[in-house]
Amino acid sequence: MSELAQRRCKPCEGGTPPLPQERARALLKELDAQWKLSDEARALKREFRFRDFYRTMSFVNALAHIANIEDHHPDLEVGYNYCRVTFTTHAVKGLSDNDFVCAAKVDQIALA
């Protein structure tokens, strides 16, 4: 398990600046290579593919459980055999450490 996946999310305050692009790129290297930064490094995105709707929804439910525990919720786009996940921290209008912590935890679901 990665060091990021072992961490917990911390509450974010408005007025806190988002992560600098260099820091976001460094943290990205600690995640599965399928995670991508948006052009401005304001969001973290990944698409997961599954064999069928049941497996897709099982993944979504496991992800929702993590999001509720961490109190950090991604945007999801869900279809029959895919789930697109986007993490961003709305309070800072960009990325925070919490986005990378949650992405690392989501990677653990994908390995199961």
N, C-alpha and C. Protein backbone atom coordinates (compact mmCIF):
# COMPACT_ATOMS: atom_id res chain seq x y z
N MET A 1 0.84 -1.18 0.00
CA MET A 1 0.00 0.00 0.00
C MET A 1 0.89 1.25 0.00
N SER A 2 0.54 2.21 -0.82
CA SER A 2 1.35 3.43 -0.92
C SER A 2 1.22 4.29 0.33
N GLU A 3 2.20 5.16 0.51
CA GLU A 3 2.16 6.08 1.65
C GLU A 3 0.94 6.98 1.55
N LEU A 4 0.60 7.42 0.34
CA LEU A 4 -0.58 8.26 0.17
C LEU A 4 -1.85 7.55 0.61
N ALA A 5 -1.99 6.28 0.28
CA ALA A 5 -3.20 5.52 0.62
C ALA A 5 -3.34 5.33 2.13
N GLN A 6 -2.26 5.44 2.87
CA GLN A 6 -2.32 5.28 4.32
C GLN A 6 -2.70 6.57 5.03
N ARG A 7 -2.63 7.69 4.33
CA ARG A 7 -2.94 8.98 4.94
C ARG A 7 -4.45 9.21 5.00
N ARG A 8 -4.85 10.22 5.76
CA ARG A 8 -6.26 10.62 5.87
C ARG A 8 -6.40 12.04 5.33
N CYS A 9 -7.56 12.34 4.80
CA CYS A 9 -7.83 13.69 4.32
C CYS A 9 -7.97 14.64 5.49
N LYS A 10 -7.56 15.88 5.23
CA LYS A 10 -7.66 16.94 6.24
C LYS A 10 -8.62 18.00 5.71
N PRO A 11 -9.42 18.59 6.60
CA PRO A 11 -10.35 19.63 6.14
C PRO A 11 -9.61 20.77 5.43
N CYS A 12 -10.19 21.25 4.34
CA CYS A 12 -9.61 22.35 3.59
C CYS A 12 -10.39 23.62 3.89
N GLU A 13 -9.68 24.69 4.03
CA GLU A 13 -10.28 25.99 4.30
C GLU A 13 -10.30 26.82 3.01
N GLY A 14 -11.36 27.59 2.84
CA GLY A 14 -11.39 28.54 1.74
C GLY A 14 -10.24 29.53 1.92
N GLY A 15 -9.71 30.03 0.84
CA GLY A 15 -8.58 30.95 0.93
C GLY A 15 -7.24 30.26 0.91
N THR A 16 -7.22 28.93 1.07
CA THR A 16 -5.98 28.16 0.97
C THR A 16 -5.66 28.00 -0.52
N PRO A 17 -4.44 28.24 -0.93
CA PRO A 17 -4.12 28.11 -2.36
C PRO A 17 -4.09 26.64 -2.79
N PRO A 18 -4.40 26.38 -4.06
CA PRO A 18 -4.26 25.01 -4.57
C PRO A 18 -2.79 24.62 -4.64
N LEU A 19 -2.55 23.32 -4.79
CA LEU A 19 -1.17 22.84 -4.93
C LEU A 19 -0.51 23.47 -6.16
N PRO A 20 0.74 23.85 -6.04
CA PRO A 20 1.47 24.30 -7.23
C PRO A 20 1.59 23.14 -8.23
N GLN A 21 1.67 23.46 -9.50
CA GLN A 21 1.74 22.42 -10.54
C GLN A 21 2.91 21.46 -10.30
N GLU A 22 4.05 21.97 -9.84
CA GLU A 22 5.21 21.09 -9.62
C GLU A 22 4.90 20.04 -8.55
N ARG A 23 4.24 20.46 -7.48
CA ARG A 23 3.88 19.53 -6.40
C ARG A 23 2.86 18.52 -6.90
N ALA A 24 1.88 18.97 -7.67
CA ALA A 24 0.87 18.06 -8.23
C ALA A 24 1.54 17.03 -9.13
N ARG A 25 2.48 17.45 -9.95
CA ARG A 25 3.18 16.50 -10.84
C ARG A 25 4.01 15.49 -10.03
N ALA A 26 4.60 15.94 -8.94
CA ALA A 26 5.38 15.02 -8.09
C ALA A 26 4.46 14.00 -7.43
N LEU A 27 3.32 14.44 -6.91
CA LEU A 27 2.37 13.50 -6.28
C LEU A 27 1.77 12.55 -7.30
N LEU A 28 1.57 13.01 -8.52
CA LEU A 28 1.01 12.17 -9.58
C LEU A 28 1.88 10.93 -9.80
N LYS A 29 3.18 11.07 -9.64
CA LYS A 29 4.11 9.94 -9.83
C LYS A 29 3.90 8.84 -8.79
N GLU A 30 3.23 9.15 -7.68
CA GLU A 30 2.97 8.16 -6.63
C GLU A 30 1.70 7.37 -6.88
N LEU A 31 0.94 7.73 -7.92
CA LEU A 31 -0.31 7.06 -8.25
C LEU A 31 -0.13 6.14 -9.44
N ASP A 32 -1.15 5.32 -9.69
CA ASP A 32 -1.17 4.51 -10.90
C ASP A 32 -0.98 5.42 -12.11
N ALA A 33 -0.28 4.93 -13.11
CA ALA A 33 0.06 5.74 -14.28
C ALA A 33 -1.16 6.18 -15.09
N GLN A 34 -2.32 5.61 -14.83
CA GLN A 34 -3.51 5.99 -15.59
C GLN A 34 -4.14 7.30 -15.11
N TRP A 35 -3.75 7.78 -13.93
CA TRP A 35 -4.24 9.08 -13.47
C TRP A 35 -3.57 10.17 -14.29
N LYS A 36 -4.33 11.19 -14.65
CA LYS A 36 -3.83 12.31 -15.45
C LYS A 36 -4.24 13.62 -14.78
N LEU A 37 -3.41 14.63 -14.94
CA LEU A 37 -3.75 15.97 -14.49
C LEU A 37 -4.44 16.71 -15.63
N SER A 38 -5.39 17.58 -15.28
CA SER A 38 -5.98 18.45 -16.29
C SER A 38 -4.89 19.40 -16.78
N ASP A 39 -5.15 20.09 -17.86
CA ASP A 39 -4.15 20.98 -18.47
C ASP A 39 -3.59 21.99 -17.49
N GLU A 40 -4.43 22.54 -16.64
CA GLU A 40 -3.98 23.56 -15.69
C GLU A 40 -3.58 22.95 -14.34
N ALA A 41 -3.57 21.63 -14.25
CA ALA A 41 -3.28 20.91 -13.00
C ALA A 41 -4.25 21.34 -11.89
N ARG A 42 -5.51 21.51 -12.26
CA ARG A 42 -6.56 21.87 -11.29
C ARG A 42 -7.45 20.69 -10.95
N ALA A 43 -7.27 19.57 -11.69
CA ALA A 43 -8.07 18.37 -11.45
C ALA A 43 -7.24 17.14 -11.76
N LEU A 44 -7.65 16.04 -11.14
CA LEU A 44 -7.00 14.74 -11.29
C LEU A 44 -8.05 13.79 -11.84
N LYS A 45 -7.75 13.09 -12.95
CA LYS A 45 -8.76 12.29 -13.63
C LYS A 45 -8.25 10.90 -13.98
N ARG A 46 -9.20 9.96 -13.97
CA ARG A 46 -8.89 8.60 -14.41
C ARG A 46 -10.17 7.92 -14.86
N GLU A 47 -10.06 7.08 -15.87
CA GLU A 47 -11.19 6.27 -16.31
C GLU A 47 -10.92 4.81 -15.96
N PHE A 48 -11.90 4.18 -15.37
CA PHE A 48 -11.85 2.75 -15.03
C PHE A 48 -12.81 2.02 -15.96
N ARG A 49 -12.41 0.84 -16.43
CA ARG A 49 -13.23 0.01 -17.31
C ARG A 49 -13.54 -1.31 -16.61
N PHE A 50 -14.75 -1.83 -16.88
CA PHE A 50 -15.21 -3.06 -16.24
C PHE A 50 -15.90 -3.96 -17.27
N ARG A 51 -16.08 -5.22 -16.89
CA ARG A 51 -16.72 -6.17 -17.80
C ARG A 51 -18.21 -5.96 -17.96
N ASP A 52 -18.85 -5.45 -16.89
CA ASP A 52 -20.30 -5.31 -16.94
C ASP A 52 -20.78 -4.29 -15.91
N PHE A 53 -22.08 -4.04 -15.94
CA PHE A 53 -22.67 -3.02 -15.08
C PHE A 53 -22.54 -3.38 -13.60
N TYR A 54 -22.68 -4.64 -13.27
CA TYR A 54 -22.57 -5.07 -11.87
C TYR A 54 -21.19 -4.70 -11.30
N ARG A 55 -20.14 -5.00 -12.03
CA ARG A 55 -18.79 -4.68 -11.55
C ARG A 55 -18.55 -3.16 -11.51
N THR A 56 -19.11 -2.46 -12.47
CA THR A 56 -19.01 -1.00 -12.45
C THR A 56 -19.64 -0.44 -11.18
N MET A 57 -20.85 -0.87 -10.89
CA MET A 57 -21.56 -0.34 -9.72
C MET A 57 -20.92 -0.80 -8.41
N SER A 58 -20.34 -1.98 -8.39
CA SER A 58 -19.62 -2.42 -7.19
C SER A 58 -18.45 -1.49 -6.91
N PHE A 59 -17.73 -1.13 -7.97
CA PHE A 59 -16.62 -0.19 -7.84
C PHE A 59 -17.12 1.17 -7.35
N VAL A 60 -18.18 1.67 -7.96
CA VAL A 60 -18.73 2.98 -7.59
C VAL A 60 -19.15 2.98 -6.12
N ASN A 61 -19.78 1.91 -5.67
CA ASN A 61 -20.19 1.84 -4.27
C ASN A 61 -18.99 1.82 -3.32
N ALA A 62 -17.95 1.09 -3.69
CA ALA A 62 -16.74 1.06 -2.86
C ALA A 62 -16.08 2.45 -2.85
N LEU A 63 -16.05 3.11 -4.00
CA LEU A 63 -15.48 4.46 -4.08
C LEU A 63 -16.31 5.42 -3.22
N ALA A 64 -17.63 5.31 -3.28
CA ALA A 64 -18.50 6.18 -2.48
C ALA A 64 -18.25 5.98 -0.99
N HIS A 65 -17.99 4.76 -0.58
CA HIS A 65 -17.70 4.48 0.83
C HIS A 65 -16.42 5.20 1.26
N ILE A 66 -15.38 5.11 0.45
CA ILE A 66 -14.13 5.81 0.75
C ILE A 66 -14.35 7.32 0.80
N ALA A 67 -15.07 7.84 -0.18
CA ALA A 67 -15.33 9.29 -0.24
C ALA A 67 -16.06 9.77 1.01
N ASN A 68 -17.00 9.00 1.49
CA ASN A 68 -17.73 9.40 2.70
C ASN A 68 -16.85 9.32 3.93
N ILE A 69 -16.04 8.29 4.04
CA ILE A 69 -15.13 8.17 5.19
C ILE A 69 -14.15 9.34 5.21
N GLU A 70 -13.61 9.68 4.05
CA GLU A 70 -12.61 10.76 3.94
C GLU A 70 -13.26 12.14 3.87
N ASP A 71 -14.56 12.20 3.67
CA ASP A 71 -15.29 13.46 3.50
C ASP A 71 -14.67 14.29 2.38
N HIS A 72 -14.36 13.60 1.29
CA HIS A 72 -13.79 14.23 0.11
C HIS A 72 -14.38 13.51 -1.10
N HIS A 73 -15.21 14.19 -1.86
CA HIS A 73 -16.05 13.53 -2.84
C HIS A 73 -15.69 13.91 -4.28
N PRO A 74 -15.45 12.91 -5.13
CA PRO A 74 -15.11 13.18 -6.53
C PRO A 74 -16.37 13.41 -7.36
N ASP A 75 -16.16 13.91 -8.56
CA ASP A 75 -17.21 13.92 -9.56
C ASP A 75 -17.08 12.60 -10.32
N LEU A 76 -18.21 11.98 -10.59
CA LEU A 76 -18.22 10.69 -11.27
C LEU A 76 -19.08 10.77 -12.53
N GLU A 77 -18.62 10.08 -13.56
CA GLU A 77 -19.42 9.84 -14.76
C GLU A 77 -19.46 8.33 -14.91
N VAL A 78 -20.66 7.77 -14.87
CA VAL A 78 -20.81 6.32 -14.83
C VAL A 78 -21.66 5.83 -15.99
N GLY A 79 -21.21 4.76 -16.62
CA GLY A 79 -21.97 4.10 -17.68
C GLY A 79 -21.95 2.60 -17.45
N TYR A 80 -22.43 1.86 -18.41
CA TYR A 80 -22.57 0.41 -18.28
C TYR A 80 -21.27 -0.26 -17.84
N ASN A 81 -20.16 0.08 -18.47
CA ASN A 81 -18.90 -0.62 -18.18
C ASN A 81 -17.73 0.34 -17.91
N TYR A 82 -18.03 1.53 -17.44
CA TYR A 82 -16.96 2.47 -17.14
C TYR A 82 -17.36 3.41 -16.01
N CYS A 83 -16.33 3.99 -15.39
CA CYS A 83 -16.51 5.05 -14.40
C CYS A 83 -15.36 6.02 -14.58
N ARG A 84 -15.69 7.27 -14.86
CA ARG A 84 -14.69 8.33 -14.96
C ARG A 84 -14.71 9.11 -13.65
N VAL A 85 -13.55 9.21 -13.03
CA VAL A 85 -13.42 9.84 -11.72
C VAL A 85 -12.61 11.12 -11.87
N THR A 86 -13.14 12.20 -11.29
CA THR A 86 -12.43 13.48 -11.29
C THR A 86 -12.36 13.98 -9.86
N PHE A 87 -11.15 14.16 -9.37
CA PHE A 87 -10.94 14.75 -8.05
C PHE A 87 -10.47 16.18 -8.23
N THR A 88 -11.03 17.07 -7.45
CA THR A 88 -10.60 18.45 -7.32
C THR A 88 -11.13 18.94 -5.98
N THR A 89 -10.49 19.92 -5.41
CA THR A 89 -10.93 20.45 -4.12
C THR A 89 -11.58 21.80 -4.37
N HIS A 90 -12.90 21.80 -4.31
CA HIS A 90 -13.66 23.01 -4.64
C HIS A 90 -13.31 24.17 -3.73
N ALA A 91 -13.03 23.90 -2.46
CA ALA A 91 -12.72 24.97 -1.49
C ALA A 91 -11.46 25.74 -1.86
N VAL A 92 -10.52 25.08 -2.56
CA VAL A 92 -9.27 25.76 -2.95
C VAL A 92 -9.22 26.06 -4.45
N LYS A 93 -10.30 25.68 -5.16
CA LYS A 93 -10.39 25.91 -6.61
C LYS A 93 -9.23 25.26 -7.37
N GLY A 94 -8.91 24.06 -6.98
CA GLY A 94 -7.83 23.31 -7.62
C GLY A 94 -7.53 22.05 -6.84
N LEU A 95 -6.32 21.58 -6.94
CA LEU A 95 -5.93 20.34 -6.27
C LEU A 95 -5.36 20.59 -4.88
N SER A 96 -5.64 19.64 -4.00
CA SER A 96 -5.05 19.61 -2.66
C SER A 96 -4.47 18.22 -2.44
N ASP A 97 -3.74 18.05 -1.35
CA ASP A 97 -3.23 16.72 -1.01
C ASP A 97 -4.37 15.71 -0.92
N ASN A 98 -5.54 16.14 -0.47
CA ASN A 98 -6.69 15.24 -0.31
C ASN A 98 -7.05 14.53 -1.61
N ASP A 99 -6.92 15.21 -2.73
CA ASP A 99 -7.24 14.59 -4.02
C ASP A 99 -6.33 13.41 -4.30
N PHE A 100 -5.06 13.54 -3.97
CA PHE A 100 -4.10 12.48 -4.22
C PHE A 100 -4.25 11.35 -3.20
N VAL A 101 -4.58 11.68 -1.96
CA VAL A 101 -4.84 10.66 -0.94
C VAL A 101 -6.02 9.79 -1.38
N CYS A 102 -7.10 10.43 -1.81
CA CYS A 102 -8.28 9.67 -2.23
C CYS A 102 -8.01 8.87 -3.50
N ALA A 103 -7.28 9.44 -4.44
CA ALA A 103 -6.95 8.70 -5.66
C ALA A 103 -6.14 7.45 -5.33
N ALA A 104 -5.21 7.55 -4.39
CA ALA A 104 -4.42 6.39 -3.98
C ALA A 104 -5.31 5.33 -3.34
N LYS A 105 -6.31 5.76 -2.59
CA LYS A 105 -7.23 4.80 -1.97
C LYS A 105 -8.10 4.13 -3.04
N VAL A 106 -8.50 4.89 -4.05
CA VAL A 106 -9.28 4.34 -5.15
C VAL A 106 -8.44 3.33 -5.93
N ASP A 107 -7.16 3.59 -6.09
CA ASP A 107 -6.29 2.61 -6.74
C ASP A 107 -6.31 1.27 -6.01
N GLN A 108 -6.45 1.31 -4.70
CA GLN A 108 -6.50 0.06 -3.93
C GLN A 108 -7.74 -0.75 -4.25
N ILE A 109 -8.87 -0.08 -4.53
CA ILE A 109 -10.10 -0.78 -4.93
C ILE A 109 -9.86 -1.48 -6.26
N ALA A 110 -9.26 -0.76 -7.18
CA ALA A 110 -9.04 -1.29 -8.52
C ALA A 110 -8.15 -2.53 -8.52
N LEU A 111 -7.29 -2.65 -7.51
CA LEU A 111 -6.41 -3.82 -7.41
C LEU A 111 -7.11 -5.03 -6.85
N ALA A 112 -8.20 -4.82 -6.13
CA ALA A 112 -8.90 -5.93 -5.46
C ALA A 112 -9.62 -6.82 -6.45
